[in-house]
Amino acid sequence: MQKILRARRTALAIGAAALLVGAISIPAYAGTVVASITAGGLSASVSDLTFPGVTYDNADQDVTGTMIVSADDSRGTGAGWSVTVQGSEFVFAGAAGGSNIPAANFALTSAEQPTWVAGQAVSLTAANGPQIPPEIVYGSLATPIKTIRATAAYGAGTYLQNLGVTLTIPGQAHVGTYTGTLTTTISATP
């Protein structure tokens, strides 16, 4: 009986010592880890375009081409954006007596759905994007035309869009080179 009591006391002493060691363990220190992300910006550009040459004619002539718009949203806000494109008149460079081609003669004729380059995937679900705006108006680029947009929570990345354009060269336009300017604007509103 004495052996049993002694064994119980020993077991009880070992159990109490284990509890005591667990109770006086040293608490761990909690540290902080910080990471920061710096915002980029919005940018858009359009590729240069050289129309094929035409031969002098007494009648109007249409020449066609494709411009490529690039849009990038690196803000990290998911706020959405839109891009507009506008053309200027085509300034004549040649022998005296030539006239400029009016900006109204430069027209947007088609727009393809944007393609993904980097970042967030393109969502073609209605009202997401980046995509062709539902209210796009094809025609003269004398005034800005919105060609691509992304609603809030979409368009965080880089995208390309092909735009079909036509330049109507007036009949009896003087022989020479005509140069226009393309203005691409990206706005922080879809």
Protein backbone atom coordinates (compact mmCIF):
# COMPACT_ATOMS: atom_id res chain seq x y z
CA MET A 1 0.00 0.00 0.00
CA GLN A 2 2.90 2.27 0.81
CA LYS A 3 4.30 1.66 -2.66
CA ILE A 4 1.03 2.67 -4.26
CA LEU A 5 0.81 5.86 -2.17
CA ARG A 6 4.40 6.71 -2.97
CA ALA A 7 3.77 6.13 -6.71
CA ARG A 8 0.68 8.35 -6.56
CA ARG A 9 2.58 11.11 -4.78
CA THR A 10 5.41 10.89 -7.32
CA ALA A 11 2.94 11.04 -10.24
CA LEU A 12 1.15 13.97 -8.62
CA ALA A 13 4.46 15.79 -8.05
CA ILE A 14 5.53 15.22 -11.69
CA GLY A 15 2.10 16.46 -12.93
CA ALA A 16 2.27 19.57 -10.71
CA ALA A 17 5.83 20.33 -11.91
CA ALA A 18 4.70 20.05 -15.56
CA LEU A 19 1.82 22.49 -14.91
CA LEU A 20 4.16 24.88 -13.15
CA VAL A 21 6.65 24.83 -16.04
CA GLY A 22 3.78 25.50 -18.52
CA ALA A 23 2.48 28.38 -16.41
CA ILE A 24 5.81 30.21 -16.26
CA SER A 25 6.66 30.00 -19.96
CA ILE A 26 7.95 33.25 -21.48
CA PRO A 27 5.40 35.02 -23.74
CA ALA A 28 6.33 35.52 -27.45
CA TYR A 29 6.85 39.06 -28.78
CA ALA A 30 4.49 40.06 -31.62
CA GLY A 31 6.19 42.16 -34.33
CA THR A 32 4.78 44.09 -37.30
CA VAL A 33 5.60 43.66 -40.99
CA VAL A 34 4.68 46.49 -43.38
CA ALA A 35 4.58 46.53 -47.18
CA SER A 36 3.54 49.47 -49.35
CA ILE A 37 2.48 49.80 -52.96
CA THR A 38 3.04 53.04 -54.85
CA ALA A 39 0.40 54.06 -57.37
CA GLY A 40 1.24 54.40 -61.04
CA GLY A 41 -0.95 56.37 -63.40
CA LEU A 42 -3.20 56.32 -66.43
CA SER A 43 -1.70 56.53 -69.90
CA ALA A 44 -2.87 56.12 -73.47
CA SER A 45 -1.26 56.48 -76.86
CA VAL A 46 -1.95 55.73 -80.49
CA SER A 47 0.44 54.31 -83.03
CA ASP A 48 1.61 56.35 -86.00
CA LEU A 49 -0.24 55.66 -89.22
CA THR A 50 0.89 56.22 -92.79
CA PHE A 51 -1.88 55.86 -95.37
CA PRO A 52 -1.00 54.29 -98.71
CA GLY A 53 -0.20 56.86 -101.40
CA VAL A 54 -2.77 57.70 -104.06
CA THR A 55 -2.51 59.08 -107.56
CA TYR A 56 -3.83 62.56 -108.32
CA ASP A 57 -7.53 62.47 -109.25
CA ASN A 58 -10.30 64.97 -110.01
CA ALA A 59 -12.70 63.03 -107.74
CA ASP A 60 -12.58 62.43 -103.98
CA GLN A 61 -10.62 59.34 -102.92
CA ASP A 62 -10.89 57.35 -99.70
CA VAL A 63 -7.81 55.75 -98.17
CA THR A 64 -8.12 53.39 -95.22
CA GLY A 65 -5.86 52.25 -92.41
CA THR A 66 -5.72 50.86 -88.91
CA MET A 67 -4.56 52.71 -85.81
CA ILE A 68 -3.64 50.87 -82.62
CA VAL A 69 -4.61 52.47 -79.31
CA SER A 70 -2.74 51.43 -76.16
CA ALA A 71 -4.29 52.07 -72.73
CA ASP A 72 -2.71 51.40 -69.34
CA ASP A 73 -4.17 51.75 -65.85
CA SER A 74 -1.46 51.30 -63.21
CA ARG A 75 -3.16 53.39 -60.50
CA GLY A 76 -4.17 50.39 -58.39
CA THR A 77 -7.53 51.97 -57.54
CA GLY A 78 -9.94 50.02 -59.74
CA ALA A 79 -11.80 53.25 -60.45
CA GLY A 80 -12.41 52.73 -64.19
CA TRP A 81 -11.38 54.90 -67.16
CA SER A 82 -12.06 55.77 -70.80
CA VAL A 83 -10.03 56.74 -73.88
CA THR A 84 -10.93 59.25 -76.59
CA VAL A 85 -9.22 59.80 -79.93
CA GLN A 86 -9.32 62.98 -82.03
CA GLY A 87 -7.67 63.97 -85.31
CA SER A 88 -6.59 67.36 -86.61
CA GLU A 89 -6.67 68.75 -90.11
CA PHE A 90 -4.02 67.34 -92.44
CA VAL A 91 -1.52 70.10 -93.17
CA PHE A 92 -0.24 70.32 -96.73
CA ALA A 93 3.52 70.28 -97.35
CA GLY A 94 4.27 70.83 -101.00
CA ALA A 95 4.36 73.45 -103.72
CA ALA A 96 2.55 76.74 -103.08
CA GLY A 97 -1.18 76.82 -103.64
CA GLY A 98 -2.15 73.56 -101.91
CA SER A 99 -4.84 73.40 -99.22
CA ASN A 100 -5.03 71.45 -96.00
CA ILE A 101 -7.44 68.50 -95.74
CA PRO A 102 -10.10 69.30 -93.10
CA ALA A 103 -10.22 67.25 -89.89
CA ALA A 104 -13.82 66.37 -90.79
CA ASN A 105 -12.44 64.22 -93.66
CA PHE A 106 -10.72 61.87 -91.18
CA ALA A 107 -13.20 59.33 -89.79
CA LEU A 108 -13.40 56.41 -87.41
CA THR A 109 -15.06 53.53 -89.29
CA SER A 110 -14.63 50.56 -86.92
CA ALA A 111 -13.39 49.58 -83.48
CA GLU A 112 -12.36 46.10 -82.36
CA GLN A 113 -12.79 44.76 -78.85
CA PRO A 114 -9.69 45.50 -76.77
CA THR A 115 -7.12 42.76 -76.28
CA TRP A 116 -5.24 41.99 -73.08
CA VAL A 117 -1.51 42.68 -72.82
CA ALA A 118 -0.89 42.58 -69.05
CA GLY A 119 -2.77 42.82 -65.76
CA GLN A 120 -6.46 42.11 -65.30
CA ALA A 121 -8.16 40.01 -67.97
CA VAL A 122 -10.69 41.58 -70.34
CA SER A 123 -14.30 41.03 -69.21
CA LEU A 124 -16.76 41.23 -72.09
CA THR A 125 -19.72 40.99 -69.72
CA ALA A 126 -22.05 43.94 -70.31
CA ALA A 127 -20.84 47.11 -68.59
CA ASN A 128 -17.47 45.77 -67.41
CA GLY A 129 -14.53 45.94 -69.77
CA PRO A 130 -12.29 47.14 -71.05
CA GLN A 131 -14.60 47.22 -74.05
CA ILE A 132 -16.01 49.33 -76.84
CA PRO A 133 -18.40 51.82 -75.22
CA PRO A 134 -22.03 51.03 -76.05
CA GLU A 135 -22.54 54.68 -77.02
CA ILE A 136 -19.64 54.81 -79.52
CA VAL A 137 -20.32 57.06 -82.50
CA TYR A 138 -18.48 56.29 -85.72
CA GLY A 139 -17.66 59.18 -88.01
CA SER A 140 -15.54 62.30 -88.15
CA LEU A 141 -12.61 62.50 -85.75
CA ALA A 142 -12.78 66.30 -85.82
CA THR A 143 -14.30 65.92 -82.34
CA PRO A 144 -13.14 63.35 -79.75
CA ILE A 145 -14.67 59.87 -79.95
CA LYS A 146 -14.62 57.53 -76.93
CA THR A 147 -13.28 54.23 -78.30
CA ILE A 148 -12.54 52.12 -75.19
CA ARG A 149 -13.64 52.14 -71.57
CA ALA A 150 -13.48 50.10 -68.36
CA THR A 151 -15.99 50.42 -65.54
CA ALA A 152 -15.08 50.42 -61.85
CA ALA A 153 -13.28 47.23 -60.73
CA TYR A 154 -12.17 46.45 -64.32
CA GLY A 155 -9.31 47.52 -66.58
CA ALA A 156 -6.35 47.35 -64.18
CA GLY A 157 -3.70 46.56 -66.77
CA THR A 158 -2.53 47.25 -70.32
CA TYR A 159 -4.76 46.79 -73.38
CA LEU A 160 -4.60 47.32 -77.16
CA GLN A 161 -7.43 48.24 -79.52
CA ASN A 162 -7.45 48.32 -83.33
CA LEU A 163 -9.36 51.22 -84.90
CA GLY A 164 -10.29 51.35 -88.56
CA VAL A 165 -10.05 54.83 -90.07
CA THR A 166 -10.68 56.47 -93.44
CA LEU A 167 -9.28 59.69 -94.87
CA THR A 168 -11.23 61.29 -97.71
CA ILE A 169 -8.79 63.11 -99.98
CA PRO A 170 -10.62 65.86 -101.85
CA GLY A 171 -10.64 65.74 -105.63
CA GLN A 172 -7.94 67.92 -107.24
CA ALA A 173 -5.91 67.98 -103.97
CA HIS A 174 -2.41 69.19 -104.77
CA VAL A 175 0.40 66.68 -105.05
CA GLY A 176 2.44 66.59 -101.84
CA THR A 177 2.41 65.27 -98.28
CA TYR A 178 -0.39 65.91 -95.79
CA THR A 179 0.27 65.40 -92.08
CA GLY A 180 -2.29 65.28 -89.28
CA THR A 181 -2.00 64.95 -85.53
CA LEU A 182 -3.76 62.34 -83.39
CA THR A 183 -4.69 63.25 -79.84
CA THR A 184 -5.39 60.41 -77.44
CA THR A 185 -6.80 61.24 -74.01
CA ILE A 186 -7.39 58.87 -71.10
CA SER A 187 -9.85 59.99 -68.45
CA ALA A 188 -10.42 58.64 -64.93
CA THR A 189 -14.14 58.24 -65.65
CA PRO A 190 -15.71 55.38 -67.60
